[in-house]
Amino acid sequence: MFLATDSSKHRDPYPPDSTIREQDWRILASFWHPVAYAHEIADAPVAAKLLDVNLVVYRTAAGISVARNVCPHRGARLSRGRISGDMLVCPMHGLHFDSTGQCRRIPAIADPKAHIPPSFRLQSVLTEVKYNIVWACLGGEPAWPLPHWDGIENPAWRKVYFEPDNWKTSAGRHVENFNDIAHFPWVHIASFGGDTEVPIPQYEVEHPDYGLSFWVQYTEGFNRFDDGVMGDTREVVYRYELTFPFATMLKIEPQGSNYVQYLADVASPVSAREARIFQLFTDTTGDPDETFWRKDQQTINSEDVPIVEGQYPAELPLDLRYEMHIPADRMSIEYRRALATRFGLGAP
C-alpha cells in the first residue's frame, strides 16, 4: 500500500517487480534493444516495454526520444499524454518535457519564469534510430554495437516492415528457433519445409566480432522465388549472421540465379517470458512484392508461434546439461555457450 520512507532503493534502475534475475537484467540492460519502428512515432507518444520497464517513445524536432513511462511529479503514464509545442505533455498536470527529458513548463505555477531545477526531469534512456528502428539501451554506455545488416542498409532498396508481434516466450528461445534448421520440414509444412526423410547437412559455426554465423544448403519443398528458375522444389543457401544478443540477419540465396533476400529478425525482451519480434525484409530486385512476402512471412510465423510458445521452460537453458542435443544443434550450443561464458548470463 505504501512505499518505505527510505526512497533510495526506488532510484535503482532495476525494476523491483522484474521477472528477470537481477544479474541477468543488468547485463541485458547494457545492450541495444528495439522498442518501436521510427515510422510509428508521429504526433503522439507511444508506450513500449523493455526488460519489464515501461517506456514512452516520443518525437520532437530534435528527433525521437525514449524515457521511462512515468512522470517524476506524480507518476502518471506519459504515453497517455500528448505532444504540444514540441514537448511531451503529462496527461495529469500538464507538465512539459523537452527532447532531453528536462521539464520546461509547469502550468500550475503562475510565474512562467519560475526556476525549474535541472533535477526535475524524466528518466531518459540512450536512444538511436537505425534501419528505421528505434533502439534503446537502459544501462547507459552500450556494451555491444548495433547490428550491421547487408541489404537492409541499401537506401535504394524498398523495405517491407512486418508488423511487430509479441511471442509468449523468451527472446533467447525465439532466436534459437529462428537460427534452427532442423525444424524446417516438420514445422513449415505449408510454407517452405522440405522432405522429412532428408537429414540436415553438417555445418560449421564461425565466431566473427559481432557474434555467430553459419551457412547451410537446403532443399525447400516449394519454389516460392519468382526469379525465372522453374521447378517444384528449390535448392537454397541460407546464411545466418547473429549479432549478440538477439538480432539475426538471414540471407536467402536460391540457387540458379543472382536473386538474394535479406530478412532481419530481432527479438526485444519485454520480460523473461515475452518477446516483441521485429522483422524487416528486402531483396535484390530493390522493389519486393510486399503483398506476397508479407503473406509468406505471416504463414511462416503462424507455424512457428504455437511450437515456440509451447516450449518448456520458456526461459533459455544456458546449462548445456539441461536439455539433450543433436548434431544439427551446433548453432544453438554455441549460442548458449557464448551467452554464458562471454557475457555471464545465467551465472549461479
Protein backbone atom coordinates (compact mmCIF):
# COMPACT_ATOMS: atom_id res chain seq x y z
CA MET A 1 0.00 0.00 0.00
CA PHE A 2 2.88 2.38 0.80
CA LEU A 3 6.49 2.65 -0.19
CA ALA A 4 9.07 2.86 2.56
CA THR A 5 10.20 6.23 3.89
CA ASP A 6 13.71 5.42 2.64
CA SER A 7 13.32 6.11 -1.07
CA SER A 8 16.94 5.49 -2.07
CA LYS A 9 16.17 1.95 -3.27
CA HIS A 10 13.45 3.24 -5.60
CA ARG A 11 16.08 5.06 -7.66
CA ASP A 12 17.73 1.78 -8.66
CA PRO A 13 17.12 1.20 -12.40
CA TYR A 14 16.37 -2.48 -11.77
CA PRO A 15 12.57 -2.77 -11.52
CA PRO A 16 11.55 -4.33 -8.19
CA ASP A 17 8.81 -6.40 -9.83
CA SER A 18 11.02 -7.69 -12.65
CA THR A 19 10.57 -11.24 -13.94
CA ILE A 20 14.27 -11.30 -14.89
CA ARG A 21 17.00 -12.19 -12.42
CA GLU A 22 18.79 -9.03 -11.34
CA GLN A 23 22.25 -10.02 -12.54
CA ASP A 24 20.89 -11.04 -15.96
CA TRP A 25 18.80 -7.85 -16.14
CA ARG A 26 21.83 -5.64 -15.56
CA ILE A 27 23.78 -7.45 -18.28
CA LEU A 28 20.93 -7.27 -20.81
CA ALA A 29 20.29 -3.61 -19.96
CA SER A 30 23.72 -2.79 -21.37
CA PHE A 31 22.71 -3.96 -24.88
CA TRP A 32 20.70 -2.18 -27.56
CA HIS A 33 17.15 -3.47 -27.98
CA PRO A 34 14.39 -2.32 -30.37
CA VAL A 35 11.31 -0.67 -28.90
CA ALA A 36 9.43 0.62 -31.98
CA TYR A 37 9.63 1.37 -35.65
CA ALA A 38 10.53 5.01 -36.26
CA HIS A 39 7.62 5.44 -38.66
CA GLU A 40 5.23 4.53 -35.81
CA ILE A 41 6.32 7.57 -33.80
CA ALA A 42 4.42 10.55 -35.20
CA ASP A 43 2.45 13.27 -33.40
CA ALA A 44 1.59 11.30 -30.25
CA PRO A 45 3.69 9.47 -27.63
CA VAL A 46 3.82 5.68 -27.85
CA ALA A 47 4.09 3.17 -24.99
CA ALA A 48 6.69 0.39 -25.07
CA LYS A 49 8.08 -2.14 -22.64
CA LEU A 50 11.62 -3.46 -22.37
CA LEU A 51 13.09 -5.73 -19.70
CA ASP A 52 9.99 -5.17 -17.53
CA VAL A 53 10.48 -1.40 -17.75
CA ASN A 54 7.60 0.69 -19.11
CA LEU A 55 8.85 3.25 -21.62
CA VAL A 56 7.45 6.20 -23.54
CA VAL A 57 8.70 6.91 -27.07
CA TYR A 58 8.07 10.38 -28.47
CA ARG A 59 9.15 12.62 -31.33
CA THR A 60 10.16 16.29 -31.27
CA ALA A 61 12.02 18.49 -33.72
CA ALA A 62 15.25 17.11 -32.22
CA GLY A 63 14.29 13.55 -33.18
CA ILE A 64 12.98 10.53 -31.28
CA SER A 65 13.46 10.23 -27.53
CA VAL A 66 12.83 7.36 -25.11
CA ALA A 67 12.25 7.65 -21.37
CA ARG A 68 10.71 5.70 -18.56
CA ASN A 69 6.96 5.99 -18.84
CA VAL A 70 6.43 7.78 -15.55
CA CYS A 71 6.11 11.45 -14.76
CA PRO A 72 8.53 12.46 -11.96
CA HIS A 73 5.81 14.64 -10.45
CA ARG A 74 3.05 12.16 -9.56
CA GLY A 75 3.86 9.02 -11.52
CA ALA A 76 1.35 9.39 -14.37
CA ARG A 77 1.84 7.39 -17.59
CA LEU A 78 3.33 9.85 -20.05
CA SER A 79 2.26 7.72 -23.02
CA ARG A 80 -1.29 8.86 -22.25
CA GLY A 81 -0.22 12.46 -22.77
CA ARG A 82 0.33 14.40 -25.98
CA ILE A 83 2.87 16.37 -27.95
CA SER A 84 2.32 20.14 -27.83
CA GLY A 85 4.72 22.98 -28.55
CA ASP A 86 7.35 20.40 -29.49
CA MET A 87 7.24 18.95 -25.97
CA LEU A 88 5.85 15.86 -24.26
CA VAL A 89 2.94 16.92 -22.06
CA CYS A 90 1.91 14.91 -19.00
CA PRO A 91 -1.81 13.97 -19.09
CA MET A 92 -2.32 14.62 -15.36
CA HIS A 93 -0.97 18.11 -14.61
CA GLY A 94 0.29 19.28 -17.99
CA LEU A 95 3.98 19.38 -17.18
CA HIS A 96 6.03 19.90 -20.35
CA PHE A 97 9.23 17.92 -21.08
CA ASP A 98 11.66 18.56 -23.91
CA SER A 99 13.58 16.09 -26.08
CA THR A 100 16.22 15.60 -23.36
CA GLY A 101 13.58 14.88 -20.71
CA GLN A 102 14.03 18.20 -18.91
CA CYS A 103 10.88 19.80 -17.51
CA ARG A 104 10.42 23.19 -19.16
CA ARG A 105 6.96 24.26 -18.03
CA ILE A 106 4.67 23.67 -15.05
CA PRO A 107 1.23 25.19 -15.81
CA ALA A 108 0.19 25.15 -12.12
CA ILE A 109 2.89 27.74 -11.37
CA ALA A 110 1.66 31.23 -12.18
CA ASP A 111 5.09 32.70 -12.88
CA PRO A 112 6.23 31.39 -16.30
CA LYS A 113 9.80 32.41 -15.42
CA ALA A 114 9.88 30.43 -12.20
CA HIS A 115 13.06 28.37 -11.85
CA ILE A 116 12.68 24.66 -12.58
CA PRO A 117 15.64 22.71 -11.17
CA PRO A 118 17.67 20.55 -13.59
CA SER A 119 16.84 17.50 -11.46
CA PHE A 120 13.16 17.88 -12.42
CA ARG A 121 13.42 15.65 -15.46
CA LEU A 122 12.40 12.33 -16.96
CA GLN A 123 14.45 9.18 -16.62
CA SER A 124 15.60 9.29 -20.24
CA VAL A 125 17.46 6.35 -21.78
CA LEU A 126 20.07 6.21 -24.53
CA THR A 127 18.33 6.14 -27.92
CA GLU A 128 19.40 5.58 -31.50
CA VAL A 129 17.48 5.16 -34.75
CA LYS A 130 18.94 2.74 -37.28
CA TYR A 131 17.21 0.81 -40.08
CA ASN A 132 14.05 2.76 -39.19
CA ILE A 133 14.08 1.00 -35.82
CA VAL A 134 14.16 2.87 -32.51
CA TRP A 135 16.78 1.19 -30.30
CA ALA A 136 17.09 1.80 -26.56
CA CYS A 137 19.83 0.97 -24.07
CA LEU A 138 18.68 1.04 -20.45
CA GLY A 139 22.14 0.62 -18.95
CA GLY A 140 23.90 3.75 -20.13
CA GLU A 141 27.06 3.03 -22.12
CA PRO A 142 26.28 0.18 -24.58
CA ALA A 143 28.33 -2.98 -24.16
CA TRP A 144 27.82 -4.12 -27.77
CA PRO A 145 27.35 -2.31 -31.10
CA LEU A 146 24.17 -2.24 -33.14
CA PRO A 147 23.93 -4.88 -35.87
CA HIS A 148 25.22 -4.34 -39.38
CA TRP A 149 22.68 -5.65 -41.90
CA ASP A 150 23.68 -6.05 -45.54
CA GLY A 151 20.88 -5.31 -47.95
CA ILE A 152 18.73 -3.62 -45.34
CA GLU A 153 21.18 -0.72 -45.23
CA ASN A 154 20.91 -0.15 -49.00
CA PRO A 155 18.89 3.10 -49.24
CA ALA A 156 17.87 2.37 -52.84
CA TRP A 157 16.02 -0.83 -51.92
CA ARG A 158 12.49 -0.60 -50.55
CA LYS A 159 11.95 -2.35 -47.22
CA VAL A 160 8.99 -4.38 -46.02
CA TYR A 161 8.38 -3.86 -42.29
CA PHE A 162 6.41 -6.75 -40.86
CA GLU A 163 4.02 -5.87 -38.05
CA PRO A 164 5.74 -6.38 -34.66
CA ASP A 165 4.27 -9.26 -32.71
CA ASN A 166 4.62 -10.36 -29.10
CA TRP A 167 5.53 -14.02 -28.60
CA LYS A 168 4.90 -15.58 -25.20
CA THR A 169 8.41 -16.91 -24.86
CA SER A 170 11.86 -15.61 -24.02
CA ALA A 171 13.90 -13.68 -26.55
CA GLY A 172 16.52 -16.44 -26.43
CA ARG A 173 14.05 -19.18 -27.36
CA HIS A 174 12.90 -17.12 -30.34
CA VAL A 175 16.48 -16.53 -31.50
CA GLU A 176 17.27 -20.23 -31.31
CA ASN A 177 14.18 -21.11 -33.32
CA PHE A 178 14.99 -18.51 -35.99
CA ASN A 179 18.52 -19.92 -36.32
CA ASP A 180 17.41 -23.58 -36.21
CA ILE A 181 17.23 -25.51 -39.49
CA ALA A 182 16.25 -28.95 -38.22
CA HIS A 183 12.65 -27.87 -37.59
CA PHE A 184 12.04 -26.76 -41.19
CA PRO A 185 10.49 -29.94 -42.64
CA TRP A 186 8.45 -30.66 -39.51
CA VAL A 187 7.05 -27.20 -38.73
CA HIS A 188 6.97 -25.29 -42.01
CA ILE A 189 4.73 -27.70 -43.87
CA ALA A 190 2.61 -25.01 -45.55
CA SER A 191 5.41 -22.55 -46.33
CA PHE A 192 8.79 -23.92 -47.41
CA GLY A 193 9.71 -27.05 -45.42
CA GLY A 194 11.36 -29.91 -47.29
CA ASP A 195 11.48 -33.70 -47.08
CA THR A 196 11.36 -35.04 -43.51
CA GLU A 197 13.45 -38.05 -44.54
CA VAL A 198 16.43 -35.97 -45.70
CA PRO A 199 19.00 -35.43 -42.92
CA ILE A 200 20.21 -31.94 -42.06
CA PRO A 201 23.66 -31.30 -43.54
CA GLN A 202 26.57 -30.69 -41.20
CA TYR A 203 27.76 -27.12 -40.86
CA GLU A 204 30.40 -25.13 -39.02
CA VAL A 205 29.73 -22.14 -36.76
CA GLU A 206 32.07 -19.18 -37.09
CA HIS A 207 32.76 -16.53 -34.44
CA PRO A 208 33.03 -13.09 -36.10
CA ASP A 209 33.39 -9.95 -33.99
CA TYR A 210 29.65 -9.28 -33.91
CA GLY A 211 28.54 -12.76 -32.76
CA LEU A 212 27.99 -16.05 -34.60
CA SER A 213 27.47 -17.10 -38.20
CA PHE A 214 26.97 -20.20 -40.29
CA TRP A 215 25.61 -21.25 -43.67
CA VAL A 216 23.91 -24.36 -44.98
CA GLN A 217 22.34 -25.58 -48.22
CA TYR A 218 18.81 -26.89 -48.03
CA THR A 219 16.16 -28.16 -50.44
CA GLU A 220 12.92 -26.29 -49.90
CA GLY A 221 9.72 -28.22 -50.57
CA PHE A 222 8.28 -25.31 -52.59
CA ASN A 223 9.59 -22.90 -55.22
CA ARG A 224 8.49 -19.55 -53.82
CA PHE A 225 11.00 -17.40 -55.69
CA ASP A 226 9.93 -15.56 -58.85
CA ASP A 227 13.42 -15.43 -60.37
CA GLY A 228 12.85 -17.40 -63.57
CA VAL A 229 14.08 -20.75 -62.27
CA MET A 230 11.45 -23.45 -62.73
CA GLY A 231 10.71 -26.49 -60.56
CA ASP A 232 8.51 -27.65 -57.71
CA THR A 233 11.34 -27.62 -55.15
CA ARG A 234 14.35 -25.35 -54.76
CA GLU A 235 17.95 -25.60 -53.64
CA VAL A 236 18.63 -22.67 -51.33
CA VAL A 237 21.65 -21.46 -49.37
CA TYR A 238 20.86 -19.84 -46.02
CA ARG A 239 23.45 -17.57 -44.44
CA TYR A 240 22.86 -16.63 -40.81
CA GLU A 241 24.60 -13.73 -39.05
CA LEU A 242 23.68 -13.36 -35.36
CA THR A 243 24.61 -10.15 -33.54
CA PHE A 244 24.54 -10.66 -29.78
CA PRO A 245 22.28 -10.94 -28.03
CA PHE A 246 19.07 -11.27 -30.09
CA ALA A 247 19.47 -9.93 -33.66
CA THR A 248 19.86 -12.11 -36.77
CA MET A 249 20.34 -11.32 -40.45
CA LEU A 250 19.27 -14.20 -42.72
CA LYS A 251 20.45 -14.08 -46.33
CA ILE A 252 18.43 -16.41 -48.53
CA GLU A 253 20.11 -17.36 -51.81
CA PRO A 254 18.04 -19.52 -54.20
CA GLN A 255 20.45 -21.41 -56.41
CA GLY A 256 20.40 -20.92 -60.17
CA SER A 257 20.02 -17.12 -60.18
CA ASN A 258 21.57 -14.00 -58.70
CA TYR A 259 18.47 -13.22 -56.64
CA VAL A 260 19.06 -12.74 -52.86
CA GLN A 261 16.69 -11.99 -49.98
CA TYR A 262 17.60 -10.22 -46.75
CA LEU A 263 15.42 -10.94 -43.70
CA ALA A 264 16.37 -9.18 -40.45
CA ASP A 265 14.90 -10.56 -37.24
CA VAL A 266 15.40 -9.16 -33.75
CA ALA A 267 13.71 -10.21 -30.52
CA SER A 268 13.20 -7.49 -27.93
CA PRO A 269 12.94 -8.90 -24.37
CA VAL A 270 9.71 -7.47 -22.96
CA SER A 271 10.08 -9.72 -19.91
CA ALA A 272 11.58 -13.09 -19.01
CA ARG A 273 8.79 -14.92 -20.86
CA GLU A 274 7.68 -12.45 -23.53
CA ALA A 275 9.50 -11.09 -26.57
CA ARG A 276 8.44 -8.50 -29.14
CA ILE A 277 9.59 -9.56 -32.59
CA PHE A 278 10.68 -7.05 -35.22
CA GLN A 279 11.25 -8.32 -38.77
CA LEU A 280 12.11 -6.40 -41.93
CA PHE A 281 12.80 -7.58 -45.43
CA THR A 282 14.18 -6.59 -48.82
CA ASP A 283 15.67 -8.29 -51.86
CA THR A 284 17.95 -7.63 -54.80
CA THR A 285 15.05 -6.56 -57.00
CA GLY A 286 15.01 -3.38 -54.92
CA ASP A 287 11.22 -3.44 -55.01
CA PRO A 288 9.96 -6.64 -53.34
CA ASP A 289 6.39 -7.82 -53.80
CA GLU A 290 5.12 -6.64 -50.41
CA THR A 291 1.75 -8.41 -50.60
CA PHE A 292 3.31 -11.79 -51.44
CA TRP A 293 6.18 -11.68 -48.96
CA ARG A 294 4.07 -10.28 -46.17
CA LYS A 295 1.69 -13.24 -46.56
CA ASP A 296 4.63 -15.64 -46.80
CA GLN A 297 6.15 -14.39 -43.55
CA GLN A 298 2.79 -14.46 -41.79
CA THR A 299 2.43 -18.12 -42.76
CA ILE A 300 5.93 -18.94 -41.51
CA ASN A 301 5.40 -17.14 -38.20
CA SER A 302 1.98 -18.74 -37.67
CA GLU A 303 3.68 -22.13 -37.95
CA ASP A 304 6.44 -21.20 -35.51
CA VAL A 305 4.50 -19.38 -32.79
CA PRO A 306 2.48 -22.26 -31.24
CA ILE A 307 5.55 -24.52 -31.22
CA VAL A 308 7.90 -21.99 -29.67
CA GLU A 309 5.35 -20.69 -27.17
CA GLY A 310 4.82 -24.31 -26.08
CA GLN A 311 8.49 -24.95 -25.29
CA TYR A 312 9.21 -25.60 -21.62
CA PRO A 313 10.69 -23.80 -19.90
CA ALA A 314 10.10 -20.54 -21.72
CA GLU A 315 13.47 -19.33 -20.45
CA LEU A 316 16.50 -20.46 -22.47
CA PRO A 317 18.58 -23.03 -20.52
CA LEU A 318 22.22 -21.92 -20.52
CA ASP A 319 23.45 -25.00 -18.70
CA LEU A 320 24.16 -27.33 -21.63
CA ARG A 321 23.29 -30.32 -19.45
CA TYR A 322 19.68 -29.18 -19.05
CA GLU A 323 18.50 -30.40 -22.47
CA MET A 324 19.73 -33.09 -24.87
CA HIS A 325 21.40 -32.09 -28.14
CA ILE A 326 21.74 -33.43 -31.69
CA PRO A 327 24.37 -32.56 -34.36
CA ALA A 328 22.03 -30.02 -36.01
CA ASP A 329 22.09 -28.05 -32.73
CA ARG A 330 25.64 -26.82 -33.29
CA MET A 331 24.49 -23.19 -33.63
CA SER A 332 22.24 -23.46 -30.58
CA ILE A 333 25.05 -24.91 -28.49
CA GLU A 334 27.48 -22.17 -29.49
CA TYR A 335 24.83 -19.52 -28.80
CA ARG A 336 24.07 -20.78 -25.31
CA ARG A 337 27.74 -21.19 -24.51
CA ALA A 338 28.56 -17.66 -25.67
CA LEU A 339 25.76 -16.03 -23.66
CA ALA A 340 27.02 -17.77 -20.53
CA THR A 341 30.80 -17.58 -20.91
CA ARG A 342 31.20 -14.33 -22.86
CA PHE A 343 28.63 -12.20 -21.04
CA GLY A 344 27.97 -14.01 -17.76
CA LEU A 345 24.26 -14.55 -18.37
CA GLY A 346 22.70 -17.35 -16.38
CA ALA A 347 25.51 -17.42 -13.82
CA PRO A 348 24.58 -19.02 -10.47
